[in-house]
Every structure is written in C-alpha cells, then in structure tokens.
Amino acid sequence: MLEIIRTNDVVILSLAESLMRDAGIHCMVADQSMSVLEGSLGLLPRRFMVEEERVDEARRILRDAGLEAELRS
C-alpha cells in the first residue's frame, strides 16, 4: 500500500474511497484511530493508501475527479 493523500478532511477521504471502490482498487485510510488520542479534534491527518500496483490508475481517477491538489508526490 502506498500513501497518495494525507488530509484531515473526511469528505475528501470519503470521496476518494468511493472512487476507488467504484474502480475496484483496494484502498484504506490509515491513522483513523489516532483521533482517539487527539481527543477527536481532527488535528492529525489521515493517510489514504492504495494498492501499489494501481497507484498510477488511482492518481488518474483522483485527478479526473478534481482532487489533484490533494495528491502527494
């Protein structure tokens, strides 16, 4: 799994998950449980990860959906 987005925005994460699910690309959001440690303030970013073999395809899908600014290099 490779990280392609790091954000606190749950809407972006939800959209990215939905797009990957529709494309059949396995993904996960890491660090969700960290909110327990921070008091659920949303200060710690979550990492959106996709399967390594399909990173290029996932990036293209996210760019096409207007999330290019959220992508990590």
PDB file of N, CA and C in Angstrom:
ATOM      1  N   MET A   1       0.844  -1.173   0.000  1.00  0.00           N
ATOM      2  CA  MET A   1       0.000   0.000   0.000  1.00  0.00           C
ATOM      3  C   MET A   1       0.893   1.243   0.000  1.00  0.00           C
ATOM      4  N   LEU A   2       0.516   2.215  -0.802  1.00  0.00           N
ATOM      5  CA  LEU A   2       1.243   3.475  -0.869  1.00  0.00           C
ATOM      6  C   LEU A   2       0.309   4.637  -0.559  1.00  0.00           C
ATOM      7  N   GLU A   3       0.829   5.601   0.177  1.00  0.00           N
ATOM      8  CA  GLU A   3       0.058   6.796   0.523  1.00  0.00           C
ATOM      9  C   GLU A   3      -0.018   7.725  -0.679  1.00  0.00           C
ATOM     10  N   ILE A   4      -1.246   8.177  -0.998  1.00  0.00           N
ATOM     11  CA  ILE A   4      -1.367   9.137  -2.090  1.00  0.00           C
ATOM     12  C   ILE A   4      -2.062  10.430  -1.643  1.00  0.00           C
ATOM     13  N   ILE A   5      -2.737  10.390  -0.496  1.00  0.00           N
ATOM     14  CA  ILE A   5      -3.363  11.597   0.055  1.00  0.00           C
ATOM     15  C   ILE A   5      -3.135  11.603   1.563  1.00  0.00           C
ATOM     16  N   ARG A   6      -2.882  12.788   2.112  1.00  0.00           N
ATOM     17  CA  ARG A   6      -2.831  12.972   3.569  1.00  0.00           C
ATOM     18  C   ARG A   6      -3.662  14.209   3.879  1.00  0.00           C
ATOM     19  N   THR A   7      -4.740  14.013   4.634  1.00  0.00           N
ATOM     20  CA  THR A   7      -5.657  15.122   4.902  1.00  0.00           C
ATOM     21  C   THR A   7      -6.438  14.903   6.193  1.00  0.00           C
ATOM     22  N   ASN A   8      -6.997  15.981   6.703  1.00  0.00           N
ATOM     23  CA  ASN A   8      -7.917  15.924   7.844  1.00  0.00           C
ATOM     24  C   ASN A   8      -9.358  15.942   7.354  1.00  0.00           C
ATOM     25  N   ASP A   9      -9.569  16.205   6.085  1.00  0.00           N
ATOM     26  CA  ASP A   9     -10.902  16.401   5.511  1.00  0.00           C
ATOM     27  C   ASP A   9     -11.581  15.051   5.246  1.00  0.00           C
ATOM     28  N   VAL A  10     -12.568  14.724   6.074  1.00  0.00           N
ATOM     29  CA  VAL A  10     -13.247  13.437   5.939  1.00  0.00           C
ATOM     30  C   VAL A  10     -14.083  13.356   4.662  1.00  0.00           C
ATOM     31  N   VAL A  11     -14.499  14.491   4.125  1.00  0.00           N
ATOM     32  CA  VAL A  11     -15.267  14.488   2.877  1.00  0.00           C
ATOM     33  C   VAL A  11     -14.373  14.046   1.720  1.00  0.00           C
ATOM     34  N   ILE A  12     -13.166  14.569   1.677  1.00  0.00           N
ATOM     35  CA  ILE A  12     -12.211  14.171   0.631  1.00  0.00           C
ATOM     36  C   ILE A  12     -11.898  12.685   0.749  1.00  0.00           C
ATOM     37  N   LEU A  13     -11.674  12.226   1.966  1.00  0.00           N
ATOM     38  CA  LEU A  13     -11.373  10.804   2.177  1.00  0.00           C
ATOM     39  C   LEU A  13     -12.543   9.928   1.742  1.00  0.00           C
ATOM     40  N   SER A  14     -13.742  10.340   2.068  1.00  0.00           N
ATOM     41  CA  SER A  14     -14.924   9.574   1.689  1.00  0.00           C
ATOM     42  C   SER A  14     -15.089   9.525   0.173  1.00  0.00           C
ATOM     43  N   LEU A  15     -14.881  10.657  -0.491  1.00  0.00           N
ATOM     44  CA  LEU A  15     -14.972  10.705  -1.945  1.00  0.00           C
ATOM     45  C   LEU A  15     -13.911   9.810  -2.580  1.00  0.00           C
ATOM     46  N   ALA A  16     -12.684   9.901  -2.084  1.00  0.00           N
ATOM     47  CA  ALA A  16     -11.597   9.086  -2.626  1.00  0.00           C
ATOM     48  C   ALA A  16     -11.899   7.599  -2.438  1.00  0.00           C
ATOM     49  N   GLU A  17     -12.402   7.224  -1.268  1.00  0.00           N
ATOM     50  CA  GLU A  17     -12.763   5.821  -1.023  1.00  0.00           C
ATOM     51  C   GLU A  17     -13.845   5.363  -1.995  1.00  0.00           C
ATOM     52  N   SER A  18     -14.832   6.182  -2.210  1.00  0.00           N
ATOM     53  CA  SER A  18     -15.921   5.835  -3.125  1.00  0.00           C
ATOM     54  C   SER A  18     -15.415   5.653  -4.553  1.00  0.00           C
ATOM     55  N   LEU A  19     -14.553   6.561  -4.990  1.00  0.00           N
ATOM     56  CA  LEU A  19     -13.992   6.462  -6.345  1.00  0.00           C
ATOM     57  C   LEU A  19     -13.171   5.191  -6.518  1.00  0.00           C
ATOM     58  N   MET A  20     -12.392   4.849  -5.508  1.00  0.00           N
ATOM     59  CA  MET A  20     -11.569   3.634  -5.588  1.00  0.00           C
ATOM     60  C   MET A  20     -12.447   2.385  -5.568  1.00  0.00           C
ATOM     61  N   ARG A  21     -13.468   2.393  -4.737  1.00  0.00           N
ATOM     62  CA  ARG A  21     -14.389   1.254  -4.667  1.00  0.00           C
ATOM     63  C   ARG A  21     -15.050   1.033  -6.030  1.00  0.00           C
ATOM     64  N   ASP A  22     -15.492   2.128  -6.672  1.00  0.00           N
ATOM     65  CA  ASP A  22     -16.118   2.032  -7.994  1.00  0.00           C
ATOM     66  C   ASP A  22     -15.158   1.486  -9.044  1.00  0.00           C
ATOM     67  N   ALA A  23     -13.870   1.786  -8.889  1.00  0.00           N
ATOM     68  CA  ALA A  23     -12.855   1.329  -9.849  1.00  0.00           C
ATOM     69  C   ALA A  23     -12.295  -0.043  -9.489  1.00  0.00           C
ATOM     70  N   GLY A  24     -12.695  -0.575  -8.344  1.00  0.00           N
ATOM     71  CA  GLY A  24     -12.186  -1.885  -7.922  1.00  0.00           C
ATOM     72  C   GLY A  24     -10.760  -1.834  -7.412  1.00  0.00           C
ATOM     73  N   ILE A  25     -10.330  -0.694  -6.924  1.00  0.00           N
ATOM     74  CA  ILE A  25      -8.972  -0.529  -6.396  1.00  0.00           C
ATOM     75  C   ILE A  25      -9.032  -0.622  -4.874  1.00  0.00           C
ATOM     76  N   HIS A  26      -8.266  -1.555  -4.326  1.00  0.00           N
ATOM     77  CA  HIS A  26      -8.241  -1.733  -2.870  1.00  0.00           C
ATOM     78  C   HIS A  26      -7.569  -0.517  -2.234  1.00  0.00           C
ATOM     79  N   CYS A  27      -8.213   0.037  -1.211  1.00  0.00           N
ATOM     80  CA  CYS A  27      -7.668   1.203  -0.525  1.00  0.00           C
ATOM     81  C   CYS A  27      -7.957   1.109   0.967  1.00  0.00           C
ATOM     82  N   MET A  28      -7.301   1.975   1.726  1.00  0.00           N
ATOM     83  CA  MET A  28      -7.565   2.054   3.160  1.00  0.00           C
ATOM     84  C   MET A  28      -7.187   3.440   3.659  1.00  0.00           C
ATOM     85  N   VAL A  29      -7.833   3.846   4.753  1.00  0.00           N
ATOM     86  CA  VAL A  29      -7.495   5.096   5.410  1.00  0.00           C
ATOM     87  C   VAL A  29      -6.760   4.741   6.689  1.00  0.00           C
ATOM     88  N   ALA A  30      -5.501   5.120   6.759  1.00  0.00           N
ATOM     89  CA  ALA A  30      -4.681   4.831   7.934  1.00  0.00           C
ATOM     90  C   ALA A  30      -4.781   5.985   8.922  1.00  0.00           C
ATOM     91  N   ASP A  31      -4.536   5.698  10.161  1.00  0.00           N
ATOM     92  CA  ASP A  31      -4.480   6.681  11.253  1.00  0.00           C
ATOM     93  C   ASP A  31      -5.853   7.170  11.699  1.00  0.00           C
ATOM     94  N   GLN A  32      -6.924   6.470  11.354  1.00  0.00           N
ATOM     95  CA  GLN A  32      -8.250   6.876  11.812  1.00  0.00           C
ATOM     96  C   GLN A  32      -8.359   6.778  13.327  1.00  0.00           C
ATOM     97  N   SER A  33      -7.741   5.781  13.910  1.00  0.00           N
ATOM     98  CA  SER A  33      -7.847   5.596  15.358  1.00  0.00           C
ATOM     99  C   SER A  33      -7.026   6.621  16.139  1.00  0.00           C
ATOM    100  N   MET A  34      -6.188   7.375  15.454  1.00  0.00           N
ATOM    101  CA  MET A  34      -5.395   8.404  16.133  1.00  0.00           C
ATOM    102  C   MET A  34      -6.294   9.505  16.694  1.00  0.00           C
ATOM    103  N   SER A  35      -7.515   9.636  16.174  1.00  0.00           N
ATOM    104  CA  SER A  35      -8.417  10.670  16.677  1.00  0.00           C
ATOM    105  C   SER A  35      -8.757  10.435  18.143  1.00  0.00           C
ATOM    106  N   VAL A  36      -8.697   9.199  18.590  1.00  0.00           N
ATOM    107  CA  VAL A  36      -8.942   8.893  19.999  1.00  0.00           C
ATOM    108  C   VAL A  36      -7.866   9.540  20.859  1.00  0.00           C
ATOM    109  N   LEU A  37      -6.637   9.480  20.388  1.00  0.00           N
ATOM    110  CA  LEU A  37      -5.520  10.052  21.144  1.00  0.00           C
ATOM    111  C   LEU A  37      -5.535  11.571  21.150  1.00  0.00           C
ATOM    112  N   GLU A  38      -6.024  12.156  20.073  1.00  0.00           N
ATOM    113  CA  GLU A  38      -6.025  13.617  19.978  1.00  0.00           C
ATOM    114  C   GLU A  38      -7.308  14.245  20.507  1.00  0.00           C
ATOM    115  N   GLY A  39      -8.240  13.436  20.965  1.00  0.00           N
ATOM    116  CA  GLY A  39      -9.482  13.964  21.507  1.00  0.00           C
ATOM    117  C   GLY A  39     -10.525  14.260  20.447  1.00  0.00           C
ATOM    118  N   SER A  40     -10.421  13.621  19.292  1.00  0.00           N
ATOM    119  CA  SER A  40     -11.379  13.775  18.181  1.00  0.00           C
ATOM    120  C   SER A  40     -11.470  15.201  17.645  1.00  0.00           C
ATOM    121  N   LEU A  41     -10.383  15.926  17.695  1.00  0.00           N
ATOM    122  CA  LEU A  41     -10.357  17.300  17.187  1.00  0.00           C
ATOM    123  C   LEU A  41     -10.084  17.371  15.689  1.00  0.00           C
ATOM    124  N   GLY A  42      -9.595  16.285  15.102  1.00  0.00           N
ATOM    125  CA  GLY A  42      -9.290  16.283  13.676  1.00  0.00           C
ATOM    126  C   GLY A  42      -7.998  16.988  13.323  1.00  0.00           C
ATOM    127  N   LEU A  43      -7.079  17.066  14.280  1.00  0.00           N
ATOM    128  CA  LEU A  43      -5.808  17.765  14.030  1.00  0.00           C
ATOM    129  C   LEU A  43      -4.794  16.900  13.302  1.00  0.00           C
ATOM    130  N   LEU A  44      -4.831  15.601  13.553  1.00  0.00           N
ATOM    131  CA  LEU A  44      -3.865  14.701  12.934  1.00  0.00           C
ATOM    132  C   LEU A  44      -4.398  14.219  11.589  1.00  0.00           C
ATOM    133  N   PRO A  45      -3.630  14.392  10.541  1.00  0.00           N
ATOM    134  CA  PRO A  45      -4.110  13.974   9.216  1.00  0.00           C
ATOM    135  C   PRO A  45      -4.178  12.455   9.091  1.00  0.00           C
ATOM    136  N   ARG A  46      -5.082  12.016   8.263  1.00  0.00           N
ATOM    137  CA  ARG A  46      -5.210  10.600   7.949  1.00  0.00           C
ATOM    138  C   ARG A  46      -4.556  10.356   6.596  1.00  0.00           C
ATOM    139  N   ARG A  47      -4.037   9.153   6.440  1.00  0.00           N
ATOM    140  CA  ARG A  47      -3.356   8.797   5.189  1.00  0.00           C
ATOM    141  C   ARG A  47      -4.264   7.901   4.356  1.00  0.00           C
ATOM    142  N   PHE A  48      -4.470   8.300   3.104  1.00  0.00           N
ATOM    143  CA  PHE A  48      -5.257   7.494   2.169  1.00  0.00           C
ATOM    144  C   PHE A  48      -4.279   6.672   1.351  1.00  0.00           C
ATOM    145  N   MET A  49      -4.428   5.361   1.411  1.00  0.00           N
ATOM    146  CA  MET A  49      -3.473   4.456   0.793  1.00  0.00           C
ATOM    147  C   MET A  49      -4.177   3.559  -0.221  1.00  0.00           C
ATOM    148  N   VAL A  50      -3.458   3.271  -1.304  1.00  0.00           N
ATOM    149  CA  VAL A  50      -3.995   2.373  -2.332  1.00  0.00           C
ATOM    150  C   VAL A  50      -2.959   1.297  -2.635  1.00  0.00           C
ATOM    151  N   GLU A  51      -3.437   0.222  -3.271  1.00  0.00           N
ATOM    152  CA  GLU A  51      -2.538  -0.867  -3.609  1.00  0.00           C
ATOM    153  C   GLU A  51      -1.454  -0.376  -4.577  1.00  0.00           C
ATOM    154  N   GLU A  52      -0.239  -0.790  -4.315  1.00  0.00           N
ATOM    155  CA  GLU A  52       0.933  -0.284  -5.020  1.00  0.00           C
ATOM    156  C   GLU A  52       0.848  -0.485  -6.533  1.00  0.00           C
ATOM    157  N   GLU A  53       0.310  -1.602  -6.954  1.00  0.00           N
ATOM    158  CA  GLU A  53       0.254  -1.931  -8.379  1.00  0.00           C
ATOM    159  C   GLU A  53      -0.679  -1.013  -9.165  1.00  0.00           C
ATOM    160  N   ARG A  54      -1.569  -0.304  -8.462  1.00  0.00           N
ATOM    161  CA  ARG A  54      -2.568   0.503  -9.165  1.00  0.00           C
ATOM    162  C   ARG A  54      -2.497   1.983  -8.796  1.00  0.00           C
ATOM    163  N   VAL A  55      -1.346   2.417  -8.286  1.00  0.00           N
ATOM    164  CA  VAL A  55      -1.173   3.809  -7.857  1.00  0.00           C
ATOM    165  C   VAL A  55      -1.401   4.782  -9.012  1.00  0.00           C
ATOM    166  N   ASP A  56      -0.821   4.508 -10.151  1.00  0.00           N
ATOM    167  CA  ASP A  56      -0.968   5.421 -11.296  1.00  0.00           C
ATOM    168  C   ASP A  56      -2.432   5.561 -11.708  1.00  0.00           C
ATOM    169  N   GLU A  57      -3.141   4.443 -11.740  1.00  0.00           N
ATOM    170  CA  GLU A  57      -4.563   4.468 -12.088  1.00  0.00           C
ATOM    171  C   GLU A  57      -5.360   5.249 -11.040  1.00  0.00           C
ATOM    172  N   ALA A  58      -5.051   5.033  -9.765  1.00  0.00           N
ATOM    173  CA  ALA A  58      -5.744   5.739  -8.677  1.00  0.00           C
ATOM    174  C   ALA A  58      -5.501   7.237  -8.769  1.00  0.00           C
ATOM    175  N   ARG A  59      -4.266   7.634  -9.040  1.00  0.00           N
ATOM    176  CA  ARG A  59      -3.952   9.059  -9.185  1.00  0.00           C
ATOM    177  C   ARG A  59      -4.722   9.690 -10.336  1.00  0.00           C
ATOM    178  N   ARG A  60      -4.812   8.970 -11.447  1.00  0.00           N
ATOM    179  CA  ARG A  60      -5.549   9.483 -12.608  1.00  0.00           C
ATOM    180  C   ARG A  60      -7.021   9.679 -12.264  1.00  0.00           C
ATOM    181  N   ILE A  61      -7.609   8.718 -11.573  1.00  0.00           N
ATOM    182  CA  ILE A  61      -9.022   8.807 -11.187  1.00  0.00           C
ATOM    183  C   ILE A  61      -9.246  10.010 -10.272  1.00  0.00           C
ATOM    184  N   LEU A  62      -8.358  10.204  -9.319  1.00  0.00           N
ATOM    185  CA  LEU A  62      -8.493  11.315  -8.379  1.00  0.00           C
ATOM    186  C   LEU A  62      -8.284  12.661  -9.067  1.00  0.00           C
ATOM    187  N   ARG A  63      -7.335  12.723 -10.006  1.00  0.00           N
ATOM    188  CA  ARG A  63      -7.138  13.953 -10.781  1.00  0.00           C
ATOM    189  C   ARG A  63      -8.386  14.280 -11.592  1.00  0.00           C
ATOM    190  N   ASP A  64      -8.955  13.264 -12.239  1.00  0.00           N
ATOM    191  CA  ASP A  64     -10.162  13.460 -13.049  1.00  0.00           C
ATOM    192  C   ASP A  64     -11.342  13.928 -12.202  1.00  0.00           C
ATOM    193  N   ALA A  65     -11.328  13.581 -10.914  1.00  0.00           N
ATOM    194  CA  ALA A  65     -12.411  13.976 -10.001  1.00  0.00           C
ATOM    195  C   ALA A  65     -12.163  15.344  -9.369  1.00  0.00           C
ATOM    196  N   GLY A  66     -11.065  15.990  -9.750  1.00  0.00           N
ATOM    197  CA  GLY A  66     -10.782  17.329  -9.232  1.00  0.00           C
ATOM    198  C   GLY A  66     -10.017  17.349  -7.924  1.00  0.00           C
ATOM    199  N   LEU A  67      -9.400  16.235  -7.564  1.00  0.00           N
ATOM    200  CA  LEU A  67      -8.650  16.163  -6.298  1.00  0.00           C
ATOM    201  C   LEU A  67      -7.140  16.238  -6.487  1.00  0.00           C
ATOM    202  N   GLU A  68      -6.707  16.772  -7.605  1.00  0.00           N
ATOM    203  CA  GLU A  68      -5.276  16.830  -7.902  1.00  0.00           C
ATOM    204  C   GLU A  68      -4.483  17.567  -6.826  1.00  0.00           C
ATOM    205  N   ALA A  69      -5.046  18.618  -6.264  1.00  0.00           N
ATOM    206  CA  ALA A  69      -4.342  19.400  -5.240  1.00  0.00           C
ATOM    207  C   ALA A  69      -4.112  18.598  -3.963  1.00  0.00           C
ATOM    208  N   GLU A  70      -4.876  17.543  -3.761  1.00  0.00           N
ATOM    209  CA  GLU A  70      -4.747  16.730  -2.556  1.00  0.00           C
ATOM    210  C   GLU A  70      -3.682  15.633  -2.690  1.00  0.00           C
ATOM    211  N   LEU A  71      -3.268  15.330  -3.914  1.00  0.00           N
ATOM    212  CA  LEU A  71      -2.337  14.225  -4.153  1.00  0.00           C
ATOM    213  C   LEU A  71      -0.943  14.563  -3.646  1.00  0.00           C
ATOM    214  N   ARG A  72      -0.330  13.570  -3.021  1.00  0.00           N
ATOM    215  CA  ARG A  72       1.056  13.709  -2.561  1.00  0.00           C
ATOM    216  C   ARG A  72       1.984  13.235  -3.670  1.00  0.00           C
ATOM    217  N   SER A  73       3.153  13.850  -3.729  1.00  0.00           N
ATOM    218  CA  SER A  73       4.114  13.466  -4.778  1.00  0.00           C
ATOM    219  C   SER A  73       4.820  12.181  -4.434  1.00  0.00           C
TER     220      SER A  73
END
